[in-house]
Structure formats: C-alpha cells, structure tokens
Amino acid sequence: AEDAPPPLTPGEQPDAWLAEPDGAVLAAGLAGAL
C-alpha cells in the first residue's frame, strides 16, 4: 500500500477488532496493506 498507516505508538490501545493476515501476506511483509 502506498498509504500504509504507521503502527501504534506508546500509549495507544488496540481497537475492538484484531486481524491476522494470511500467511503469504505475512511472509511478504505486507501487514501495512491490510
């Protein structure tokens, strides 16, 4: 993704949902696209 948002920073808490990418997405390092 060209506009992938940055990860959480200290003090920020997770939202109500958590997504786990498919293993190919993880292997390609594309969590930012998710």
ModelCIF file with pLDDT and N, C-alpha, C, O atoms, coordinates in Angstrom:
data_MODEL
#
_entry.id   MODEL 
#
_entity.id                         1 
_entity.type                       polymer 
_entity.pdbx_number_of_molecules   1 
#
_entity_poly.entity_id                      1 
_entity_poly.type                           'polypeptide(L)' 
_entity_poly.nstd_linkage                   no 
_entity_poly.nstd_monomer                   no 
_entity_poly.pdbx_seq_one_letter_code       AEDAPPPLTPGEQPDAWLAEPDGAVLAAGLAGAL 
_entity_poly.pdbx_seq_one_letter_code_can   AEDAPPPLTPGEQPDAWLAEPDGAVLAAGLAGAL 
_entity_poly.pdbx_strand_id                 A 
#
loop_
_entity_poly_seq.entity_id 
_entity_poly_seq.num 
_entity_poly_seq.mon_id 
_entity_poly_seq.hetero 
1 1  ALA n 
1 2  GLU n 
1 3  ASP n 
1 4  ALA n 
1 5  PRO n 
1 6  PRO n 
1 7  PRO n 
1 8  LEU n 
1 9  THR n 
1 10 PRO n 
1 11 GLY n 
1 12 GLU n 
1 13 GLN n 
1 14 PRO n 
1 15 ASP n 
1 16 ALA n 
1 17 TRP n 
1 18 LEU n 
1 19 ALA n 
1 20 GLU n 
1 21 PRO n 
1 22 ASP n 
1 23 GLY n 
1 24 ALA n 
1 25 VAL n 
1 26 LEU n 
1 27 ALA n 
1 28 ALA n 
1 29 GLY n 
1 30 LEU n 
1 31 ALA n 
1 32 GLY n 
1 33 ALA n 
1 34 LEU n 
#
_struct_asym.id          A 
_struct_asym.entity_id   1 
#
loop_
_ma_qa_metric.id 
_ma_qa_metric.mode 
_ma_qa_metric.name 
_ma_qa_metric.software_group_id 
_ma_qa_metric.type 
1 global pLDDT . pLDDT 
2 local  pLDDT . pLDDT 
#
_ma_qa_metric_global.metric_id      1 
_ma_qa_metric_global.metric_value   96.44 
_ma_qa_metric_global.model_id       1 
_ma_qa_metric_global.ordinal_id     1 
#
loop_
_ma_qa_metric_local.label_asym_id 
_ma_qa_metric_local.label_comp_id 
_ma_qa_metric_local.label_seq_id 
_ma_qa_metric_local.metric_id 
_ma_qa_metric_local.metric_value 
_ma_qa_metric_local.model_id 
_ma_qa_metric_local.ordinal_id 
A ALA 1  2 95.00 1 1  
A GLU 2  2 92.00 1 2  
A ASP 3  2 91.00 1 3  
A ALA 4  2 94.00 1 4  
A PRO 5  2 97.00 1 5  
A PRO 6  2 97.00 1 6  
A PRO 7  2 98.00 1 7  
A LEU 8  2 98.00 1 8  
A THR 9  2 97.00 1 9  
A PRO 10 2 96.00 1 10 
A GLY 11 2 94.00 1 11 
A GLU 12 2 96.00 1 12 
A GLN 13 2 94.00 1 13 
A PRO 14 2 97.00 1 14 
A ASP 15 2 97.00 1 15 
A ALA 16 2 97.00 1 16 
A TRP 17 2 98.00 1 17 
A LEU 18 2 98.00 1 18 
A ALA 19 2 98.00 1 19 
A GLU 20 2 97.00 1 20 
A PRO 21 2 97.00 1 21 
A ASP 22 2 97.00 1 22 
A GLY 23 2 97.00 1 23 
A ALA 24 2 98.00 1 24 
A VAL 25 2 98.00 1 25 
A LEU 26 2 96.00 1 26 
A ALA 27 2 96.00 1 27 
A ALA 28 2 97.00 1 28 
A GLY 29 2 95.00 1 29 
A LEU 30 2 97.00 1 30 
A ALA 31 2 97.00 1 31 
A GLY 32 2 97.00 1 32 
A ALA 33 2 98.00 1 33 
A LEU 34 2 98.00 1 34 
#
loop_
_atom_site.group_PDB 
_atom_site.id 
_atom_site.type_symbol 
_atom_site.label_atom_id 
_atom_site.label_alt_id 
_atom_site.label_comp_id 
_atom_site.label_asym_id 
_atom_site.label_entity_id 
_atom_site.label_seq_id 
_atom_site.pdbx_PDB_ins_code 
_atom_site.Cartn_x 
_atom_site.Cartn_y 
_atom_site.Cartn_z 
_atom_site.occupancy 
_atom_site.B_iso_or_equiv 
_atom_site.pdbx_formal_charge 
_atom_site.auth_seq_id 
_atom_site.auth_comp_id 
_atom_site.auth_asym_id 
_atom_site.auth_atom_id 
_atom_site.pdbx_PDB_model_num 
ATOM 1   N N  . ALA A 1 1  ? 0.843   -1.196  0.000  1.00 95.00 ? 1  ALA A N  1 
ATOM 2   C CA . ALA A 1 1  ? 0.000   0.000   0.000  1.00 95.00 ? 1  ALA A CA 1 
ATOM 3   C C  . ALA A 1 1  ? 0.879   1.246   0.000  1.00 95.00 ? 1  ALA A C  1 
ATOM 4   O O  . ALA A 1 1  ? 1.850   1.329   0.752  1.00 95.00 ? 1  ALA A O  1 
ATOM 5   N N  . GLU A 1 2  ? 0.534   2.210   -0.844 1.00 92.00 ? 2  GLU A N  1 
ATOM 6   C CA . GLU A 1 2  ? 1.303   3.447   -0.886 1.00 92.00 ? 2  GLU A CA 1 
ATOM 7   C C  . GLU A 1 2  ? 1.049   4.310   0.347  1.00 92.00 ? 2  GLU A C  1 
ATOM 8   O O  . GLU A 1 2  ? 1.892   5.118   0.737  1.00 92.00 ? 2  GLU A O  1 
ATOM 9   N N  . ASP A 1 3  ? -0.121  4.128   0.953  1.00 91.00 ? 3  ASP A N  1 
ATOM 10  C CA . ASP A 1 3  ? -0.506  4.979   2.082  1.00 91.00 ? 3  ASP A CA 1 
ATOM 11  C C  . ASP A 1 3  ? -0.699  4.165   3.356  1.00 91.00 ? 3  ASP A C  1 
ATOM 12  O O  . ASP A 1 3  ? -1.621  4.431   4.127  1.00 91.00 ? 3  ASP A O  1 
ATOM 13  N N  . ALA A 1 4  ? 0.169   3.168   3.586  1.00 94.00 ? 4  ALA A N  1 
ATOM 14  C CA . ALA A 1 4  ? 0.032   2.337   4.779  1.00 94.00 ? 4  ALA A CA 1 
ATOM 15  C C  . ALA A 1 4  ? 0.203   3.181   6.032  1.00 94.00 ? 4  ALA A C  1 
ATOM 16  O O  . ALA A 1 4  ? 1.185   3.915   6.144  1.00 94.00 ? 4  ALA A O  1 
ATOM 17  N N  . PRO A 1 5  ? -0.732  3.097   6.985  1.00 97.00 ? 5  PRO A N  1 
ATOM 18  C CA . PRO A 1 5  ? -0.626  3.881   8.211  1.00 97.00 ? 5  PRO A CA 1 
ATOM 19  C C  . PRO A 1 5  ? 0.492   3.344   9.096  1.00 97.00 ? 5  PRO A C  1 
ATOM 20  O O  . PRO A 1 5  ? 0.859   2.176   8.972  1.00 97.00 ? 5  PRO A O  1 
ATOM 21  N N  . PRO A 1 6  ? 1.042   4.171   9.991  1.00 97.00 ? 6  PRO A N  1 
ATOM 22  C CA . PRO A 1 6  ? 2.108   3.704   10.893 1.00 97.00 ? 6  PRO A CA 1 
ATOM 23  C C  . PRO A 1 6  ? 1.532   2.793   11.964 1.00 97.00 ? 6  PRO A C  1 
ATOM 24  O O  . PRO A 1 6  ? 0.332   2.842   12.232 1.00 97.00 ? 6  PRO A O  1 
ATOM 25  N N  . PRO A 1 7  ? 2.372   1.957   12.586 1.00 98.00 ? 7  PRO A N  1 
ATOM 26  C CA . PRO A 1 7  ? 1.907   1.120   13.706 1.00 98.00 ? 7  PRO A CA 1 
ATOM 27  C C  . PRO A 1 7  ? 1.494   1.986   14.892 1.00 98.00 ? 7  PRO A C  1 
ATOM 28  O O  . PRO A 1 7  ? 1.742   3.191   14.918 1.00 98.00 ? 7  PRO A O  1 
ATOM 29  N N  . LEU A 1 8  ? 0.854   1.341   15.879 1.00 98.00 ? 8  LEU A N  1 
ATOM 30  C CA . LEU A 1 8  ? 0.502   2.038   17.113 1.00 98.00 ? 8  LEU A CA 1 
ATOM 31  C C  . LEU A 1 8  ? 1.756   2.589   17.783 1.00 98.00 ? 8  LEU A C  1 
ATOM 32  O O  . LEU A 1 8  ? 2.843   2.023   17.662 1.00 98.00 ? 8  LEU A O  1 
ATOM 33  N N  . THR A 1 9  ? 1.585   3.686   18.479 1.00 97.00 ? 9  THR A N  1 
ATOM 34  C CA . THR A 1 9  ? 2.682   4.290   19.229 1.00 97.00 ? 9  THR A CA 1 
ATOM 35  C C  . THR A 1 9  ? 2.420   4.118   20.724 1.00 97.00 ? 9  THR A C  1 
ATOM 36  O O  . THR A 1 9  ? 1.281   3.859   21.114 1.00 97.00 ? 9  THR A O  1 
ATOM 37  N N  . PRO A 1 10 ? 3.445   4.257   21.575 1.00 96.00 ? 10 PRO A N  1 
ATOM 38  C CA . PRO A 1 10 ? 3.251   4.073   23.020 1.00 96.00 ? 10 PRO A CA 1 
ATOM 39  C C  . PRO A 1 10 ? 2.104   4.920   23.561 1.00 96.00 ? 10 PRO A C  1 
ATOM 40  O O  . PRO A 1 10 ? 1.990   6.111   23.271 1.00 96.00 ? 10 PRO A O  1 
ATOM 41  N N  . GLY A 1 11 ? 1.264   4.269   24.353 1.00 94.00 ? 11 GLY A N  1 
ATOM 42  C CA . GLY A 1 11 ? 0.097   4.926   24.917 1.00 94.00 ? 11 GLY A CA 1 
ATOM 43  C C  . GLY A 1 11 ? -1.186  4.647   24.164 1.00 94.00 ? 11 GLY A C  1 
ATOM 44  O O  . GLY A 1 11 ? -2.274  4.798   24.720 1.00 94.00 ? 11 GLY A O  1 
ATOM 45  N N  . GLU A 1 12 ? -1.080  4.240   22.900 1.00 96.00 ? 12 GLU A N  1 
ATOM 46  C CA . GLU A 1 12 ? -2.280  3.913   22.118 1.00 96.00 ? 12 GLU A CA 1 
ATOM 47  C C  . GLU A 1 12 ? -2.692  2.466   22.391 1.00 96.00 ? 12 GLU A C  1 
ATOM 48  O O  . GLU A 1 12 ? -1.847  1.588   22.564 1.00 96.00 ? 12 GLU A O  1 
ATOM 49  N N  . GLN A 1 13 ? -3.990  2.236   22.426 1.00 94.00 ? 13 GLN A N  1 
ATOM 50  C CA . GLN A 1 13 ? -4.536  0.919   22.698 1.00 94.00 ? 13 GLN A CA 1 
ATOM 51  C C  . GLN A 1 13 ? -5.200  0.341   21.455 1.00 94.00 ? 13 GLN A C  1 
ATOM 52  O O  . GLN A 1 13 ? -5.642  1.094   20.588 1.00 94.00 ? 13 GLN A O  1 
ATOM 53  N N  . PRO A 1 14 ? -5.276  -0.982  21.355 1.00 97.00 ? 14 PRO A N  1 
ATOM 54  C CA . PRO A 1 14 ? -5.950  -1.597  20.210 1.00 97.00 ? 14 PRO A CA 1 
ATOM 55  C C  . PRO A 1 14 ? -7.423  -1.226  20.161 1.00 97.00 ? 14 PRO A C  1 
ATOM 56  O O  . PRO A 1 14 ? -8.047  -0.927  21.179 1.00 97.00 ? 14 PRO A O  1 
ATOM 57  N N  . ASP A 1 15 ? -7.969  -1.256  18.929 1.00 97.00 ? 15 ASP A N  1 
ATOM 58  C CA . ASP A 1 15 ? -9.408  -1.088  18.738 1.00 97.00 ? 15 ASP A CA 1 
ATOM 59  C C  . ASP A 1 15 ? -10.116 -2.394  19.110 1.00 97.00 ? 15 ASP A C  1 
ATOM 60  O O  . ASP A 1 15 ? -9.515  -3.302  19.685 1.00 97.00 ? 15 ASP A O  1 
ATOM 61  N N  . ALA A 1 16 ? -11.394 -2.464  18.772 1.00 97.00 ? 16 ALA A N  1 
ATOM 62  C CA . ALA A 1 16 ? -12.221 -3.595  19.201 1.00 97.00 ? 16 ALA A CA 1 
ATOM 63  C C  . ALA A 1 16 ? -11.946 -4.880  18.419 1.00 97.00 ? 16 ALA A C  1 
ATOM 64  O O  . ALA A 1 16 ? -12.378 -5.958  18.828 1.00 97.00 ? 16 ALA A O  1 
ATOM 65  N N  . TRP A 1 17 ? -11.238 -4.772  17.307 1.00 98.00 ? 17 TRP A N  1 
ATOM 66  C CA . TRP A 1 17 ? -11.027 -5.950  16.471 1.00 98.00 ? 17 TRP A CA 1 
ATOM 67  C C  . TRP A 1 17 ? -9.552  -6.116  16.138 1.00 98.00 ? 17 TRP A C  1 
ATOM 68  O O  . TRP A 1 17 ? -8.796  -5.147  16.057 1.00 98.00 ? 17 TRP A O  1 
ATOM 69  N N  . LEU A 1 18 ? -9.165  -7.380  15.947 1.00 98.00 ? 18 LEU A N  1 
ATOM 70  C CA . LEU A 1 18 ? -7.797  -7.727  15.578 1.00 98.00 ? 18 LEU A CA 1 
ATOM 71  C C  . LEU A 1 18 ? -7.848  -8.598  14.330 1.00 98.00 ? 18 LEU A C  1 
ATOM 72  O O  . LEU A 1 18 ? -8.617  -9.557  14.268 1.00 98.00 ? 18 LEU A O  1 
ATOM 73  N N  . ALA A 1 19 ? -7.034  -8.264  13.340 1.00 98.00 ? 19 ALA A N  1 
ATOM 74  C CA . ALA A 1 19 ? -6.985  -9.029  12.091 1.00 98.00 ? 19 ALA A CA 1 
ATOM 75  C C  . ALA A 1 19 ? -5.627  -9.703  11.952 1.00 98.00 ? 19 ALA A C  1 
ATOM 76  O O  . ALA A 1 19 ? -4.586  -9.090  12.191 1.00 98.00 ? 19 ALA A O  1 
ATOM 77  N N  . GLU A 1 20 ? -5.655  -10.957 11.568 1.00 97.00 ? 20 GLU A N  1 
ATOM 78  C CA . GLU A 1 20 ? -4.436  -11.720 11.299 1.00 97.00 ? 20 GLU A CA 1 
ATOM 79  C C  . GLU A 1 20 ? -4.369  -11.991 9.800  1.00 97.00 ? 20 GLU A C  1 
ATOM 80  O O  . GLU A 1 20 ? -5.246  -12.676 9.273  1.00 97.00 ? 20 GLU A O  1 
ATOM 81  N N  . PRO A 1 21 ? -3.363  -11.480 9.096  1.00 97.00 ? 21 PRO A N  1 
ATOM 82  C CA . PRO A 1 21 ? -3.292  -11.699 7.649  1.00 97.00 ? 21 PRO A CA 1 
ATOM 83  C C  . PRO A 1 21 ? -3.008  -13.158 7.306  1.00 97.00 ? 21 PRO A C  1 
ATOM 84  O O  . PRO A 1 21 ? -2.470  -13.915 8.115  1.00 97.00 ? 21 PRO A O  1 
ATOM 85  N N  . ASP A 1 22 ? -3.380  -13.525 6.100  1.00 97.00 ? 22 ASP A N  1 
ATOM 86  C CA . ASP A 1 22 ? -2.983  -14.819 5.556  1.00 97.00 ? 22 ASP A CA 1 
ATOM 87  C C  . ASP A 1 22 ? -1.464  -14.946 5.619  1.00 97.00 ? 22 ASP A C  1 
ATOM 88  O O  . ASP A 1 22 ? -0.748  -13.947 5.561  1.00 97.00 ? 22 ASP A O  1 
ATOM 89  N N  . GLY A 1 23 ? -0.977  -16.181 5.738  1.00 97.00 ? 23 GLY A N  1 
ATOM 90  C CA . GLY A 1 23 ? 0.446   -16.409 5.878  1.00 97.00 ? 23 GLY A CA 1 
ATOM 91  C C  . GLY A 1 23 ? 1.281   -15.866 4.742  1.00 97.00 ? 23 GLY A C  1 
ATOM 92  O O  . GLY A 1 23 ? 2.420   -15.458 4.965  1.00 97.00 ? 23 GLY A O  1 
ATOM 93  N N  . ALA A 1 24 ? 0.750   -15.845 3.518  1.00 98.00 ? 24 ALA A N  1 
ATOM 94  C CA . ALA A 1 24 ? 1.501   -15.291 2.396  1.00 98.00 ? 24 ALA A CA 1 
ATOM 95  C C  . ALA A 1 24 ? 1.683   -13.791 2.552  1.00 98.00 ? 24 ALA A C  1 
ATOM 96  O O  . ALA A 1 24 ? 2.727   -13.247 2.193  1.00 98.00 ? 24 ALA A O  1 
ATOM 97  N N  . VAL A 1 25 ? 0.666   -13.119 3.089  1.00 98.00 ? 25 VAL A N  1 
ATOM 98  C CA . VAL A 1 25 ? 0.760   -11.678 3.335  1.00 98.00 ? 25 VAL A CA 1 
ATOM 99  C C  . VAL A 1 25 ? 1.807   -11.402 4.404  1.00 98.00 ? 25 VAL A C  1 
ATOM 100 O O  . VAL A 1 25 ? 2.587   -10.456 4.288  1.00 98.00 ? 25 VAL A O  1 
ATOM 101 N N  . LEU A 1 26 ? 1.823   -12.227 5.442  1.00 96.00 ? 26 LEU A N  1 
ATOM 102 C CA . LEU A 1 26 ? 2.838   -12.087 6.481  1.00 96.00 ? 26 LEU A CA 1 
ATOM 103 C C  . LEU A 1 26 ? 4.238   -12.336 5.921  1.00 96.00 ? 26 LEU A C  1 
ATOM 104 O O  . LEU A 1 26 ? 5.168   -11.582 6.206  1.00 96.00 ? 26 LEU A O  1 
ATOM 105 N N  . ALA A 1 27 ? 4.383   -13.392 5.125  1.00 96.00 ? 27 ALA A N  1 
ATOM 106 C CA . ALA A 1 27 ? 5.696   -13.726 4.577  1.00 96.00 ? 27 ALA A CA 1 
ATOM 107 C C  . ALA A 1 27 ? 6.217   -12.619 3.669  1.00 96.00 ? 27 ALA A C  1 
ATOM 108 O O  . ALA A 1 27 ? 7.421   -12.370 3.612  1.00 96.00 ? 27 ALA A O  1 
ATOM 109 N N  . ALA A 1 28 ? 5.308   -11.958 2.960  1.00 97.00 ? 28 ALA A N  1 
ATOM 110 C CA . ALA A 1 28 ? 5.697   -10.877 2.067  1.00 97.00 ? 28 ALA A CA 1 
ATOM 111 C C  . ALA A 1 28 ? 5.901   -9.554  2.795  1.00 97.00 ? 28 ALA A C  1 
ATOM 112 O O  . ALA A 1 28 ? 6.310   -8.567  2.184  1.00 97.00 ? 28 ALA A O  1 
ATOM 113 N N  . GLY A 1 29 ? 5.618   -9.527  4.103  1.00 95.00 ? 29 GLY A N  1 
ATOM 114 C CA . GLY A 1 29 ? 5.784   -8.302  4.871  1.00 95.00 ? 29 GLY A CA 1 
ATOM 115 C C  . GLY A 1 29 ? 4.780   -7.227  4.516  1.00 95.00 ? 29 GLY A C  1 
ATOM 116 O O  . GLY A 1 29 ? 5.116   -6.043  4.495  1.00 95.00 ? 29 GLY A O  1 
ATOM 117 N N  . LEU A 1 30 ? 3.540   -7.630  4.235  1.00 97.00 ? 30 LEU A N  1 
ATOM 118 C CA . LEU A 1 30 ? 2.532   -6.695  3.741  1.00 97.00 ? 30 LEU A CA 1 
ATOM 119 C C  . LEU A 1 30 ? 1.410   -6.442  4.740  1.00 97.00 ? 30 LEU A C  1 
ATOM 120 O O  . LEU A 1 30 ? 0.271   -6.195  4.343  1.00 97.00 ? 30 LEU A O  1 
ATOM 121 N N  . ALA A 1 31 ? 1.722   -6.501  6.039  1.00 97.00 ? 31 ALA A N  1 
ATOM 122 C CA . ALA A 1 31 ? 0.698   -6.156  7.026  1.00 97.00 ? 31 ALA A CA 1 
ATOM 123 C C  . ALA A 1 31 ? 0.219   -4.724  6.833  1.00 97.00 ? 31 ALA A C  1 
ATOM 124 O O  . ALA A 1 31 ? -0.928  -4.404  7.143  1.00 97.00 ? 31 ALA A O  1 
ATOM 125 N N  . GLY A 1 32 ? 1.092   -3.863  6.324  1.00 97.00 ? 32 GLY A N  1 
ATOM 126 C CA . GLY A 1 32 ? 0.689   -2.485  6.061  1.00 97.00 ? 32 GLY A CA 1 
ATOM 127 C C  . GLY A 1 32 ? -0.420  -2.389  5.042  1.00 97.00 ? 32 GLY A C  1 
ATOM 128 O O  . GLY A 1 32 ? -1.266  -1.498  5.128  1.00 97.00 ? 32 GLY A O  1 
ATOM 129 N N  . ALA A 1 33 ? -0.432  -3.302  4.065  1.00 98.00 ? 33 ALA A N  1 
ATOM 130 C CA . ALA A 1 33 ? -1.508  -3.309  3.080  1.00 98.00 ? 33 ALA A CA 1 
ATOM 131 C C  . ALA A 1 33 ? -2.836  -3.670  3.737  1.00 98.00 ? 33 ALA A C  1 
ATOM 132 O O  . ALA A 1 33 ? -3.880  -3.121  3.383  1.00 98.00 ? 33 ALA A O  1 
ATOM 133 N N  . LEU A 1 34 ? -2.794  -4.604  4.702  1.00 98.00 ? 34 LEU A N  1 
ATOM 134 C CA . LEU A 1 34 ? -4.012  -4.944  5.438  1.00 98.00 ? 34 LEU A CA 1 
ATOM 135 C C  . LEU A 1 34 ? -4.473  -3.749  6.260  1.00 98.00 ? 34 LEU A C  1 
ATOM 136 O O  . LEU A 1 34 ? -5.487  -3.831  6.955  1.00 98.00 ? 34 LEU A O  1 
#
